[in-house]
Amino acid sequence: NDIKQKVMNILEKVTNTRHDNMAGTMKID
């Protein structure tokens, strides 16, 4: 669970800003 929390924090930091110049969807594996 500690690693899961690390990953969640990373995703939150990267995505918490508005991306007004982007529209659409993306999926990554």
mmCIF file of all heavy atoms, coordinates in Angstrom:
data_MODEL
# 
_entry.id   MODEL 
# 
loop_
_atom_site.group_PDB 
_atom_site.id 
_atom_site.type_symbol 
_atom_site.label_atom_id 
_atom_site.label_alt_id 
_atom_site.label_comp_id 
_atom_site.label_asym_id 
_atom_site.label_entity_id 
_atom_site.label_seq_id 
_atom_site.pdbx_PDB_ins_code 
_atom_site.Cartn_x 
_atom_site.Cartn_y 
_atom_site.Cartn_z 
_atom_site.occupancy 
_atom_site.B_iso_or_equiv 
_atom_site.pdbx_formal_charge 
_atom_site.auth_seq_id 
_atom_site.auth_comp_id 
_atom_site.auth_asym_id 
_atom_site.auth_atom_id 
_atom_site.pdbx_PDB_model_num 
ATOM 1   N N   . ASN A 1 1  ? 0.809   -1.217 0.000   1.00 0.00 ? 1  ASN A N   1 
ATOM 2   C CA  . ASN A 1 1  ? 0.000   0.000  0.000   1.00 0.00 ? 1  ASN A CA  1 
ATOM 3   C C   . ASN A 1 1  ? 0.847   1.275  0.000   1.00 0.00 ? 1  ASN A C   1 
ATOM 4   O O   . ASN A 1 1  ? 0.398   2.314  -0.505  1.00 0.00 ? 1  ASN A O   1 
ATOM 5   C CB  . ASN A 1 1  ? -0.961  0.013  1.194   1.00 0.00 ? 1  ASN A CB  1 
ATOM 6   C CG  . ASN A 1 1  ? -2.129  -0.924 0.980   1.00 0.00 ? 1  ASN A CG  1 
ATOM 7   O OD1 . ASN A 1 1  ? -2.533  -1.177 -0.149  1.00 0.00 ? 1  ASN A OD1 1 
ATOM 8   N ND2 . ASN A 1 1  ? -2.659  -1.461 2.064   1.00 0.00 ? 1  ASN A ND2 1 
ATOM 9   N N   . ASP A 1 2  ? 2.046   1.221  0.550   1.00 0.00 ? 2  ASP A N   1 
ATOM 10  C CA  . ASP A 1 2  ? 2.921   2.395  0.538   1.00 0.00 ? 2  ASP A CA  1 
ATOM 11  C C   . ASP A 1 2  ? 3.319   2.762  -0.890  1.00 0.00 ? 2  ASP A C   1 
ATOM 12  O O   . ASP A 1 2  ? 3.383   3.940  -1.247  1.00 0.00 ? 2  ASP A O   1 
ATOM 13  C CB  . ASP A 1 2  ? 4.167   2.159  1.382   1.00 0.00 ? 2  ASP A CB  1 
ATOM 14  C CG  . ASP A 1 2  ? 3.859   2.076  2.871   1.00 0.00 ? 2  ASP A CG  1 
ATOM 15  O OD1 . ASP A 1 2  ? 2.814   2.622  3.293   1.00 0.00 ? 2  ASP A OD1 1 
ATOM 16  O OD2 . ASP A 1 2  ? 4.663   1.473  3.605   1.00 0.00 ? 2  ASP A OD2 1 
ATOM 17  N N   . ILE A 1 3  ? 3.588   1.756  -1.705  1.00 0.00 ? 3  ILE A N   1 
ATOM 18  C CA  . ILE A 1 3  ? 3.947   2.007  -3.099  1.00 0.00 ? 3  ILE A CA  1 
ATOM 19  C C   . ILE A 1 3  ? 2.727   2.536  -3.855  1.00 0.00 ? 3  ILE A C   1 
ATOM 20  O O   . ILE A 1 3  ? 2.844   3.447  -4.671  1.00 0.00 ? 3  ILE A O   1 
ATOM 21  C CB  . ILE A 1 3  ? 4.514   0.742  -3.773  1.00 0.00 ? 3  ILE A CB  1 
ATOM 22  C CG1 . ILE A 1 3  ? 5.752   0.271  -3.021  1.00 0.00 ? 3  ILE A CG1 1 
ATOM 23  C CG2 . ILE A 1 3  ? 4.847   1.007  -5.229  1.00 0.00 ? 3  ILE A CG2 1 
ATOM 24  C CD1 . ILE A 1 3  ? 6.246   -1.082 -3.425  1.00 0.00 ? 3  ILE A CD1 1 
ATOM 25  N N   . LYS A 1 4  ? 1.559   1.965  -3.569  1.00 0.00 ? 4  LYS A N   1 
ATOM 26  C CA  . LYS A 1 4  ? 0.336   2.477  -4.195  1.00 0.00 ? 4  LYS A CA  1 
ATOM 27  C C   . LYS A 1 4  ? 0.152   3.954  -3.877  1.00 0.00 ? 4  LYS A C   1 
ATOM 28  O O   . LYS A 1 4  ? -0.190  4.753  -4.743  1.00 0.00 ? 4  LYS A O   1 
ATOM 29  C CB  . LYS A 1 4  ? -0.887  1.691  -3.711  1.00 0.00 ? 4  LYS A CB  1 
ATOM 30  C CG  . LYS A 1 4  ? -0.986  0.299  -4.266  1.00 0.00 ? 4  LYS A CG  1 
ATOM 31  C CD  . LYS A 1 4  ? -2.207  -0.412 -3.725  1.00 0.00 ? 4  LYS A CD  1 
ATOM 32  C CE  . LYS A 1 4  ? -2.234  -1.856 -4.188  1.00 0.00 ? 4  LYS A CE  1 
ATOM 33  N NZ  . LYS A 1 4  ? -3.382  -2.608 -3.657  1.00 0.00 ? 4  LYS A NZ  1 
ATOM 34  N N   . GLN A 1 5  ? 0.411   4.334  -2.642  1.00 0.00 ? 5  GLN A N   1 
ATOM 35  C CA  . GLN A 1 5  ? 0.286   5.732  -2.240  1.00 0.00 ? 5  GLN A CA  1 
ATOM 36  C C   . GLN A 1 5  ? 1.296   6.609  -2.970  1.00 0.00 ? 5  GLN A C   1 
ATOM 37  O O   . GLN A 1 5  ? 0.981   7.717  -3.390  1.00 0.00 ? 5  GLN A O   1 
ATOM 38  C CB  . GLN A 1 5  ? 0.445   5.872  -0.726  1.00 0.00 ? 5  GLN A CB  1 
ATOM 39  C CG  . GLN A 1 5  ? 0.101   7.243  -0.206  1.00 0.00 ? 5  GLN A CG  1 
ATOM 40  C CD  . GLN A 1 5  ? -1.352  7.623  -0.470  1.00 0.00 ? 5  GLN A CD  1 
ATOM 41  O OE1 . GLN A 1 5  ? -2.263  6.844  -0.222  1.00 0.00 ? 5  GLN A OE1 1 
ATOM 42  N NE2 . GLN A 1 5  ? -1.557  8.809  -0.997  1.00 0.00 ? 5  GLN A NE2 1 
ATOM 43  N N   . LYS A 1 6  ? 2.528   6.110  -3.144  1.00 0.00 ? 6  LYS A N   1 
ATOM 44  C CA  . LYS A 1 6  ? 3.541   6.857  -3.900  1.00 0.00 ? 6  LYS A CA  1 
ATOM 45  C C   . LYS A 1 6  ? 3.038   7.141  -5.313  1.00 0.00 ? 6  LYS A C   1 
ATOM 46  O O   . LYS A 1 6  ? 3.152   8.258  -5.809  1.00 0.00 ? 6  LYS A O   1 
ATOM 47  C CB  . LYS A 1 6  ? 4.843   6.056  -4.012  1.00 0.00 ? 6  LYS A CB  1 
ATOM 48  C CG  . LYS A 1 6  ? 5.784   6.146  -2.871  1.00 0.00 ? 6  LYS A CG  1 
ATOM 49  C CD  . LYS A 1 6  ? 7.068   5.419  -3.280  1.00 0.00 ? 6  LYS A CD  1 
ATOM 50  C CE  . LYS A 1 6  ? 8.013   5.205  -2.150  1.00 0.00 ? 6  LYS A CE  1 
ATOM 51  N NZ  . LYS A 1 6  ? 9.230   4.500  -2.549  1.00 0.00 ? 6  LYS A NZ  1 
ATOM 52  N N   . VAL A 1 7  ? 2.513   6.106  -5.969  1.00 0.00 ? 7  VAL A N   1 
ATOM 53  C CA  . VAL A 1 7  ? 2.028   6.248  -7.344  1.00 0.00 ? 7  VAL A CA  1 
ATOM 54  C C   . VAL A 1 7  ? 0.848   7.220  -7.384  1.00 0.00 ? 7  VAL A C   1 
ATOM 55  O O   . VAL A 1 7  ? 0.778   8.090  -8.270  1.00 0.00 ? 7  VAL A O   1 
ATOM 56  C CB  . VAL A 1 7  ? 1.647   4.874  -7.941  1.00 0.00 ? 7  VAL A CB  1 
ATOM 57  C CG1 . VAL A 1 7  ? 0.991   5.034  -9.304  1.00 0.00 ? 7  VAL A CG1 1 
ATOM 58  C CG2 . VAL A 1 7  ? 2.877   3.988  -8.038  1.00 0.00 ? 7  VAL A CG2 1 
ATOM 59  N N   . MET A 1 8  ? -0.066  7.112  -6.442  1.00 0.00 ? 8  MET A N   1 
ATOM 60  C CA  . MET A 1 8  ? -1.208  8.024  -6.393  1.00 0.00 ? 8  MET A CA  1 
ATOM 61  C C   . MET A 1 8  ? -0.740  9.464  -6.218  1.00 0.00 ? 8  MET A C   1 
ATOM 62  O O   . MET A 1 8  ? -1.264  10.374 -6.881  1.00 0.00 ? 8  MET A O   1 
ATOM 63  C CB  . MET A 1 8  ? -2.159  7.623  -5.259  1.00 0.00 ? 8  MET A CB  1 
ATOM 64  C CG  . MET A 1 8  ? -2.931  6.357  -5.560  1.00 0.00 ? 8  MET A CG  1 
ATOM 65  S SD  . MET A 1 8  ? -3.894  5.669  -4.179  1.00 0.00 ? 8  MET A SD  1 
ATOM 66  C CE  . MET A 1 8  ? -4.561  7.065  -3.360  1.00 0.00 ? 8  MET A CE  1 
ATOM 67  N N   . ASN A 1 9  ? 0.243   9.701  -5.372  1.00 0.00 ? 9  ASN A N   1 
ATOM 68  C CA  . ASN A 1 9  ? 0.774   11.050 -5.162  1.00 0.00 ? 9  ASN A CA  1 
ATOM 69  C C   . ASN A 1 9  ? 1.419   11.594 -6.433  1.00 0.00 ? 9  ASN A C   1 
ATOM 70  O O   . ASN A 1 9  ? 1.254   12.773 -6.764  1.00 0.00 ? 9  ASN A O   1 
ATOM 71  C CB  . ASN A 1 9  ? 1.771   11.071 -4.014  1.00 0.00 ? 9  ASN A CB  1 
ATOM 72  C CG  . ASN A 1 9  ? 1.121   10.854 -2.674  1.00 0.00 ? 9  ASN A CG  1 
ATOM 73  O OD1 . ASN A 1 9  ? -0.084  11.012 -2.505  1.00 0.00 ? 9  ASN A OD1 1 
ATOM 74  N ND2 . ASN A 1 9  ? 1.916   10.453 -1.695  1.00 0.00 ? 9  ASN A ND2 1 
ATOM 75  N N   . ILE A 1 10 ? 2.149   10.755 -7.143  1.00 0.00 ? 10 ILE A N   1 
ATOM 76  C CA  . ILE A 1 10 ? 2.784   11.174 -8.396  1.00 0.00 ? 10 ILE A CA  1 
ATOM 77  C C   . ILE A 1 10 ? 1.724   11.565 -9.417  1.00 0.00 ? 10 ILE A C   1 
ATOM 78  O O   . ILE A 1 10 ? 1.803   12.627 -10.042 1.00 0.00 ? 10 ILE A O   1 
ATOM 79  C CB  . ILE A 1 10 ? 3.700   10.060 -8.945  1.00 0.00 ? 10 ILE A CB  1 
ATOM 80  C CG1 . ILE A 1 10 ? 4.921   9.902  -8.044  1.00 0.00 ? 10 ILE A CG1 1 
ATOM 81  C CG2 . ILE A 1 10 ? 4.104   10.342 -10.387 1.00 0.00 ? 10 ILE A CG2 1 
ATOM 82  C CD1 . ILE A 1 10 ? 5.731   8.652  -8.294  1.00 0.00 ? 10 ILE A CD1 1 
ATOM 83  N N   . LEU A 1 11 ? 0.709   10.722 -9.593  1.00 0.00 ? 11 LEU A N   1 
ATOM 84  C CA  . LEU A 1 11 ? -0.353  11.025 -10.555 1.00 0.00 ? 11 LEU A CA  1 
ATOM 85  C C   . LEU A 1 11 ? -1.091  12.307 -10.169 1.00 0.00 ? 11 LEU A C   1 
ATOM 86  O O   . LEU A 1 11 ? -1.419  13.122 -11.035 1.00 0.00 ? 11 LEU A O   1 
ATOM 87  C CB  . LEU A 1 11 ? -1.330  9.858  -10.659 1.00 0.00 ? 11 LEU A CB  1 
ATOM 88  C CG  . LEU A 1 11 ? -0.799  8.601  -11.330 1.00 0.00 ? 11 LEU A CG  1 
ATOM 89  C CD1 . LEU A 1 11 ? -1.825  7.479  -11.229 1.00 0.00 ? 11 LEU A CD1 1 
ATOM 90  C CD2 . LEU A 1 11 ? -0.424  8.867  -12.778 1.00 0.00 ? 11 LEU A CD2 1 
ATOM 91  N N   . GLU A 1 12 ? -1.326  12.476 -8.899  1.00 0.00 ? 12 GLU A N   1 
ATOM 92  C CA  . GLU A 1 12 ? -2.029  13.669 -8.431  1.00 0.00 ? 12 GLU A CA  1 
ATOM 93  C C   . GLU A 1 12 ? -1.221  14.937 -8.714  1.00 0.00 ? 12 GLU A C   1 
ATOM 94  O O   . GLU A 1 12 ? -1.762  15.936 -9.171  1.00 0.00 ? 12 GLU A O   1 
ATOM 95  C CB  . GLU A 1 12 ? -2.301  13.538 -6.935  1.00 0.00 ? 12 GLU A CB  1 
ATOM 96  C CG  . GLU A 1 12 ? -3.356  14.482 -6.416  1.00 0.00 ? 12 GLU A CG  1 
ATOM 97  C CD  . GLU A 1 12 ? -3.718  14.138 -4.985  1.00 0.00 ? 12 GLU A CD  1 
ATOM 98  O OE1 . GLU A 1 12 ? -4.338  13.083 -4.782  1.00 0.00 ? 12 GLU A OE1 1 
ATOM 99  O OE2 . GLU A 1 12 ? -3.361  14.932 -4.100  1.00 0.00 ? 12 GLU A OE2 1 
ATOM 100 N N   . LYS A 1 13 ? 0.080   14.894 -8.455  1.00 0.00 ? 13 LYS A N   1 
ATOM 101 C CA  . LYS A 1 13 ? 0.939   16.059 -8.699  1.00 0.00 ? 13 LYS A CA  1 
ATOM 102 C C   . LYS A 1 13 ? 0.983   16.425 -10.178 1.00 0.00 ? 13 LYS A C   1 
ATOM 103 O O   . LYS A 1 13 ? 0.959   17.595 -10.540 1.00 0.00 ? 13 LYS A O   1 
ATOM 104 C CB  . LYS A 1 13 ? 2.360   15.796 -8.199  1.00 0.00 ? 13 LYS A CB  1 
ATOM 105 C CG  . LYS A 1 13 ? 2.505   15.848 -6.708  1.00 0.00 ? 13 LYS A CG  1 
ATOM 106 C CD  . LYS A 1 13 ? 3.925   15.542 -6.299  1.00 0.00 ? 13 LYS A CD  1 
ATOM 107 C CE  . LYS A 1 13 ? 4.043   15.420 -4.802  1.00 0.00 ? 13 LYS A CE  1 
ATOM 108 N NZ  . LYS A 1 13 ? 5.374   14.988 -4.374  1.00 0.00 ? 13 LYS A NZ  1 
ATOM 109 N N   . VAL A 1 14 ? 1.081   15.425 -11.021 1.00 0.00 ? 14 VAL A N   1 
ATOM 110 C CA  . VAL A 1 14 ? 1.218   15.677 -12.451 1.00 0.00 ? 14 VAL A CA  1 
ATOM 111 C C   . VAL A 1 14 ? -0.097  16.160 -13.064 1.00 0.00 ? 14 VAL A C   1 
ATOM 112 O O   . VAL A 1 14 ? -0.093  16.976 -13.982 1.00 0.00 ? 14 VAL A O   1 
ATOM 113 C CB  . VAL A 1 14 ? 1.723   14.407 -13.173 1.00 0.00 ? 14 VAL A CB  1 
ATOM 114 C CG1 . VAL A 1 14 ? 1.681   14.559 -14.667 1.00 0.00 ? 14 VAL A CG1 1 
ATOM 115 C CG2 . VAL A 1 14 ? 3.129   14.073 -12.718 1.00 0.00 ? 14 VAL A CG2 1 
ATOM 116 N N   . THR A 1 15 ? -1.217  15.679 -12.551 1.00 0.00 ? 15 THR A N   1 
ATOM 117 C CA  . THR A 1 15 ? -2.501  15.977 -13.202 1.00 0.00 ? 15 THR A CA  1 
ATOM 118 C C   . THR A 1 15 ? -3.343  17.031 -12.502 1.00 0.00 ? 15 THR A C   1 
ATOM 119 O O   . THR A 1 15 ? -4.431  17.345 -12.971 1.00 0.00 ? 15 THR A O   1 
ATOM 120 C CB  . THR A 1 15 ? -3.350  14.689 -13.317 1.00 0.00 ? 15 THR A CB  1 
ATOM 121 O OG1 . THR A 1 15 ? -3.607  14.189 -12.007 1.00 0.00 ? 15 THR A OG1 1 
ATOM 122 C CG2 . THR A 1 15 ? -2.674  13.649 -14.173 1.00 0.00 ? 15 THR A CG2 1 
ATOM 123 N N   . ASN A 1 16 ? -2.867  17.619 -11.414 1.00 0.00 ? 16 ASN A N   1 
ATOM 124 C CA  . ASN A 1 16 ? -3.728  18.536 -10.675 1.00 0.00 ? 16 ASN A CA  1 
ATOM 125 C C   . ASN A 1 16 ? -3.817  19.933 -11.283 1.00 0.00 ? 16 ASN A C   1 
ATOM 126 O O   . ASN A 1 16 ? -4.517  20.783 -10.769 1.00 0.00 ? 16 ASN A O   1 
ATOM 127 C CB  . ASN A 1 16 ? -3.299  18.627 -9.203  1.00 0.00 ? 16 ASN A CB  1 
ATOM 128 C CG  . ASN A 1 16 ? -1.982  19.338 -9.015  1.00 0.00 ? 16 ASN A CG  1 
ATOM 129 O OD1 . ASN A 1 16 ? -1.302  19.667 -9.975  1.00 0.00 ? 16 ASN A OD1 1 
ATOM 130 N ND2 . ASN A 1 16 ? -1.612  19.553 -7.775  1.00 0.00 ? 16 ASN A ND2 1 
ATOM 131 N N   . THR A 1 17 ? -3.127  20.176 -12.368 1.00 0.00 ? 17 THR A N   1 
ATOM 132 C CA  . THR A 1 17 ? -3.221  21.469 -13.030 1.00 0.00 ? 17 THR A CA  1 
ATOM 133 C C   . THR A 1 17 ? -4.203  21.398 -14.193 1.00 0.00 ? 17 THR A C   1 
ATOM 134 O O   . THR A 1 17 ? -4.494  20.324 -14.715 1.00 0.00 ? 17 THR A O   1 
ATOM 135 C CB  . THR A 1 17 ? -1.843  21.916 -13.571 1.00 0.00 ? 17 THR A CB  1 
ATOM 136 O OG1 . THR A 1 17 ? -1.377  20.922 -14.472 1.00 0.00 ? 17 THR A OG1 1 
ATOM 137 C CG2 . THR A 1 17 ? -0.852  22.092 -12.440 1.00 0.00 ? 17 THR A CG2 1 
ATOM 138 N N   . ARG A 1 18 ? -4.700  22.562 -14.582 1.00 0.00 ? 18 ARG A N   1 
ATOM 139 C CA  . ARG A 1 18 ? -5.607  22.617 -15.735 1.00 0.00 ? 18 ARG A CA  1 
ATOM 140 C C   . ARG A 1 18 ? -4.795  22.560 -17.010 1.00 0.00 ? 18 ARG A C   1 
ATOM 141 O O   . ARG A 1 18 ? -3.747  23.176 -17.122 1.00 0.00 ? 18 ARG A O   1 
ATOM 142 C CB  . ARG A 1 18 ? -6.424  23.890 -15.685 1.00 0.00 ? 18 ARG A CB  1 
ATOM 143 C CG  . ARG A 1 18 ? -7.410  23.890 -14.550 1.00 0.00 ? 18 ARG A CG  1 
ATOM 144 C CD  . ARG A 1 18 ? -8.023  25.221 -14.357 1.00 0.00 ? 18 ARG A CD  1 
ATOM 145 N NE  . ARG A 1 18 ? -8.732  25.661 -15.540 1.00 0.00 ? 18 ARG A NE  1 
ATOM 146 C CZ  . ARG A 1 18 ? -9.766  26.482 -15.517 1.00 0.00 ? 18 ARG A CZ  1 
ATOM 147 N NH1 . ARG A 1 18 ? -10.193 26.948 -14.375 1.00 0.00 ? 18 ARG A NH1 1 
ATOM 148 N NH2 . ARG A 1 18 ? -10.350 26.852 -16.622 1.00 0.00 ? 18 ARG A NH2 1 
ATOM 149 N N   . HIS A 1 19 ? -5.274  21.804 -17.948 1.00 0.00 ? 19 HIS A N   1 
ATOM 150 C CA  . HIS A 1 19 ? -4.637  21.690 -19.257 1.00 0.00 ? 19 HIS A CA  1 
ATOM 151 C C   . HIS A 1 19 ? -5.608  22.248 -20.297 1.00 0.00 ? 19 HIS A C   1 
ATOM 152 O O   . HIS A 1 19 ? -6.252  21.510 -21.026 1.00 0.00 ? 19 HIS A O   1 
ATOM 153 C CB  . HIS A 1 19 ? -4.263  20.232 -19.551 1.00 0.00 ? 19 HIS A CB  1 
ATOM 154 C CG  . HIS A 1 19 ? -3.257  19.671 -18.612 1.00 0.00 ? 19 HIS A CG  1 
ATOM 155 N ND1 . HIS A 1 19 ? -3.581  18.946 -17.496 1.00 0.00 ? 19 HIS A ND1 1 
ATOM 156 C CD2 . HIS A 1 19 ? -1.903  19.772 -18.600 1.00 0.00 ? 19 HIS A CD2 1 
ATOM 157 C CE1 . HIS A 1 19 ? -2.494  18.600 -16.845 1.00 0.00 ? 19 HIS A CE1 1 
ATOM 158 N NE2 . HIS A 1 19 ? -1.448  19.088 -17.500 1.00 0.00 ? 19 HIS A NE2 1 
ATOM 159 N N   . ASP A 1 20 ? -5.701  23.586 -20.334 1.00 0.00 ? 20 ASP A N   1 
ATOM 160 C CA  . ASP A 1 20 ? -6.680  24.241 -21.206 1.00 0.00 ? 20 ASP A CA  1 
ATOM 161 C C   . ASP A 1 20 ? -6.419  24.009 -22.683 1.00 0.00 ? 20 ASP A C   1 
ATOM 162 O O   . ASP A 1 20 ? -7.314  24.161 -23.495 1.00 0.00 ? 20 ASP A O   1 
ATOM 163 C CB  . ASP A 1 20 ? -6.709  25.749 -20.921 1.00 0.00 ? 20 ASP A CB  1 
ATOM 164 C CG  . ASP A 1 20 ? -7.315  26.060 -19.563 1.00 0.00 ? 20 ASP A CG  1 
ATOM 165 O OD1 . ASP A 1 20 ? -8.155  25.265 -19.089 1.00 0.00 ? 20 ASP A OD1 1 
ATOM 166 O OD2 . ASP A 1 20 ? -6.950  27.097 -18.979 1.00 0.00 ? 20 ASP A OD2 1 
ATOM 167 N N   . ASN A 1 21 ? -5.202  23.662 -23.023 1.00 0.00 ? 21 ASN A N   1 
ATOM 168 C CA  . ASN A 1 21 ? -4.879  23.467 -24.430 1.00 0.00 ? 21 ASN A CA  1 
ATOM 169 C C   . ASN A 1 21 ? -5.016  22.015 -24.876 1.00 0.00 ? 21 ASN A C   1 
ATOM 170 O O   . ASN A 1 21 ? -4.593  21.657 -25.949 1.00 0.00 ? 21 ASN A O   1 
ATOM 171 C CB  . ASN A 1 21 ? -3.464  23.972 -24.714 1.00 0.00 ? 21 ASN A CB  1 
ATOM 172 C CG  . ASN A 1 21 ? -2.435  23.327 -23.792 1.00 0.00 ? 21 ASN A CG  1 
ATOM 173 O OD1 . ASN A 1 21 ? -2.793  22.674 -22.814 1.00 0.00 ? 21 ASN A OD1 1 
ATOM 174 N ND2 . ASN A 1 21 ? -1.173  23.508 -24.104 1.00 0.00 ? 21 ASN A ND2 1 
ATOM 175 N N   . MET A 1 22 ? -5.621  21.164 -24.036 1.00 0.00 ? 22 MET A N   1 
ATOM 176 C CA  . MET A 1 22 ? -5.791  19.757 -24.396 1.00 0.00 ? 22 MET A CA  1 
ATOM 177 C C   . MET A 1 22 ? -7.258  19.369 -24.364 1.00 0.00 ? 22 MET A C   1 
ATOM 178 O O   . MET A 1 22 ? -7.996  19.784 -23.479 1.00 0.00 ? 22 MET A O   1 
ATOM 179 C CB  . MET A 1 22 ? -5.024  18.849 -23.436 1.00 0.00 ? 22 MET A CB  1 
ATOM 180 C CG  . MET A 1 22 ? -3.541  18.898 -23.592 1.00 0.00 ? 22 MET A CG  1 
ATOM 181 S SD  . MET A 1 22 ? -2.738  17.515 -22.756 1.00 0.00 ? 22 MET A SD  1 
ATOM 182 C CE  . MET A 1 22 ? -2.216  18.294 -21.248 1.00 0.00 ? 22 MET A CE  1 
ATOM 183 N N   . ALA A 1 23 ? -7.645  18.577 -25.346 1.00 0.00 ? 23 ALA A N   1 
ATOM 184 C CA  . ALA A 1 23 ? -8.995  18.017 -25.385 1.00 0.00 ? 23 ALA A CA  1 
ATOM 185 C C   . ALA A 1 23 ? -8.897  16.607 -25.946 1.00 0.00 ? 23 ALA A C   1 
ATOM 186 O O   . ALA A 1 23 ? -8.203  16.371 -26.927 1.00 0.00 ? 23 ALA A O   1 
ATOM 187 C CB  . ALA A 1 23 ? -9.908  18.870 -26.248 1.00 0.00 ? 23 ALA A CB  1 
ATOM 188 N N   . GLY A 1 24 ? -9.549  15.673 -25.297 1.00 0.00 ? 24 GLY A N   1 
ATOM 189 C CA  . GLY A 1 24 ? -9.527  14.298 -25.771 1.00 0.00 ? 24 GLY A CA  1 
ATOM 190 C C   . GLY A 1 24 ? -9.299  13.317 -24.638 1.00 0.00 ? 24 GLY A C   1 
ATOM 191 O O   . GLY A 1 24 ? -9.419  13.664 -23.462 1.00 0.00 ? 24 GLY A O   1 
ATOM 192 N N   . THR A 1 25 ? -8.971  12.099 -25.021 1.00 0.00 ? 25 THR A N   1 
ATOM 193 C CA  . THR A 1 25 ? -8.723  11.047 -24.042 1.00 0.00 ? 25 THR A CA  1 
ATOM 194 C C   . THR A 1 25 ? -7.398  10.366 -24.351 1.00 0.00 ? 25 THR A C   1 
ATOM 195 O O   . THR A 1 25 ? -6.910  10.401 -25.487 1.00 0.00 ? 25 THR A O   1 
ATOM 196 C CB  . THR A 1 25 ? -9.838  9.985  -24.047 1.00 0.00 ? 25 THR A CB  1 
ATOM 197 O OG1 . THR A 1 25 ? -9.898  9.385  -25.342 1.00 0.00 ? 25 THR A OG1 1 
ATOM 198 C CG2 . THR A 1 25 ? -11.183 10.588 -23.692 1.00 0.00 ? 25 THR A CG2 1 
ATOM 199 N N   . MET A 1 26 ? -6.840  9.755  -23.342 1.00 0.00 ? 26 MET A N   1 
ATOM 200 C CA  . MET A 1 26 ? -5.589  9.030  -23.514 1.00 0.00 ? 26 MET A CA  1 
ATOM 201 C C   . MET A 1 26 ? -5.566  7.879  -22.515 1.00 0.00 ? 26 MET A C   1 
ATOM 202 O O   . MET A 1 26 ? -6.025  8.019  -21.389 1.00 0.00 ? 26 MET A O   1 
ATOM 203 C CB  . MET A 1 26 ? -4.402  9.956  -23.274 1.00 0.00 ? 26 MET A CB  1 
ATOM 204 C CG  . MET A 1 26 ? -3.052  9.273  -23.353 1.00 0.00 ? 26 MET A CG  1 
ATOM 205 S SD  . MET A 1 26 ? -1.641  10.407 -23.244 1.00 0.00 ? 26 MET A SD  1 
ATOM 206 C CE  . MET A 1 26 ? -1.834  11.085 -21.601 1.00 0.00 ? 26 MET A CE  1 
ATOM 207 N N   . LYS A 1 27 ? -5.032  6.751  -22.953 1.00 0.00 ? 27 LYS A N   1 
ATOM 208 C CA  . LYS A 1 27 ? -4.834  5.607  -22.066 1.00 0.00 ? 27 LYS A CA  1 
ATOM 209 C C   . LYS A 1 27 ? -3.402  5.135  -22.240 1.00 0.00 ? 27 LYS A C   1 
ATOM 210 O O   . LYS A 1 27 ? -2.923  4.990  -23.360 1.00 0.00 ? 27 LYS A O   1 
ATOM 211 C CB  . LYS A 1 27 ? -5.802  4.482  -22.399 1.00 0.00 ? 27 LYS A CB  1 
ATOM 212 C CG  . LYS A 1 27 ? -5.629  3.304  -21.469 1.00 0.00 ? 27 LYS A CG  1 
ATOM 213 C CD  . LYS A 1 27 ? -6.630  2.216  -21.691 1.00 0.00 ? 27 LYS A CD  1 
ATOM 214 C CE  . LYS A 1 27 ? -6.436  1.212  -20.581 1.00 0.00 ? 27 LYS A CE  1 
ATOM 215 N NZ  . LYS A 1 27 ? -6.465  -0.123 -20.935 1.00 0.00 ? 27 LYS A NZ  1 
ATOM 216 N N   . ILE A 1 28 ? -2.736  4.928  -21.106 1.00 0.00 ? 28 ILE A N   1 
ATOM 217 C CA  . ILE A 1 28 ? -1.372  4.405  -21.162 1.00 0.00 ? 28 ILE A CA  1 
ATOM 218 C C   . ILE A 1 28 ? -1.278  3.154  -20.300 1.00 0.00 ? 28 ILE A C   1 
ATOM 219 O O   . ILE A 1 28 ? -1.940  3.040  -19.278 1.00 0.00 ? 28 ILE A O   1 
ATOM 220 C CB  . ILE A 1 28 ? -0.327  5.440  -20.700 1.00 0.00 ? 28 ILE A CB  1 
ATOM 221 C CG1 . ILE A 1 28 ? -0.605  5.939  -19.276 1.00 0.00 ? 28 ILE A CG1 1 
ATOM 222 C CG2 . ILE A 1 28 ? -0.229  6.594  -21.664 1.00 0.00 ? 28 ILE A CG2 1 
ATOM 223 C CD1 . ILE A 1 28 ? 0.499   6.814  -18.712 1.00 0.00 ? 28 ILE A CD1 1 
ATOM 224 N N   . ASP A 1 29 ? -0.482  2.223  -20.757 1.00 0.00 ? 29 ASP A N   1 
ATOM 225 C CA  . ASP A 1 29 ? -0.174  1.014  -20.010 1.00 0.00 ? 29 ASP A CA  1 
ATOM 226 C C   . ASP A 1 29 ? 1.339   0.972  -19.840 1.00 0.00 ? 29 ASP A C   1 
ATOM 227 O O   . ASP A 1 29 ? 2.079   0.980  -20.827 1.00 0.00 ? 29 ASP A O   1 
ATOM 228 C CB  . ASP A 1 29 ? -0.651  -0.241 -20.741 1.00 0.00 ? 29 ASP A CB  1 
ATOM 229 C CG  . ASP A 1 29 ? -2.165  -0.328 -20.800 1.00 0.00 ? 29 ASP A CG  1 
ATOM 230 O OD1 . ASP A 1 29 ? -2.806  -0.072 -19.770 1.00 0.00 ? 29 ASP A OD1 1 
ATOM 231 O OD2 . ASP A 1 29 ? -2.695  -0.648 -21.877 1.00 0.00 ? 29 ASP A OD2 1 
# 
